[in-house]
Amino acid sequence: MAGAALLLALVHTWPATVAAAAVLGAGCGVFPAVDKALVIQA
């Protein structure tokens, strides 16, 4: 997710914005899934 924020800060084009949105969306989806898996495992 930090990479997507860095991409948004450094590259000001539409394709870069779309790529950053995809990375942020994936990060926002993966984080809760891993968090729940760790909670259930413990």
Foldseek 3Di string as FASTA:
>chain_A
DVVLVVLVVPDPDDVSPVVSVVVVVVVVVVVVVVVVVVVVVD
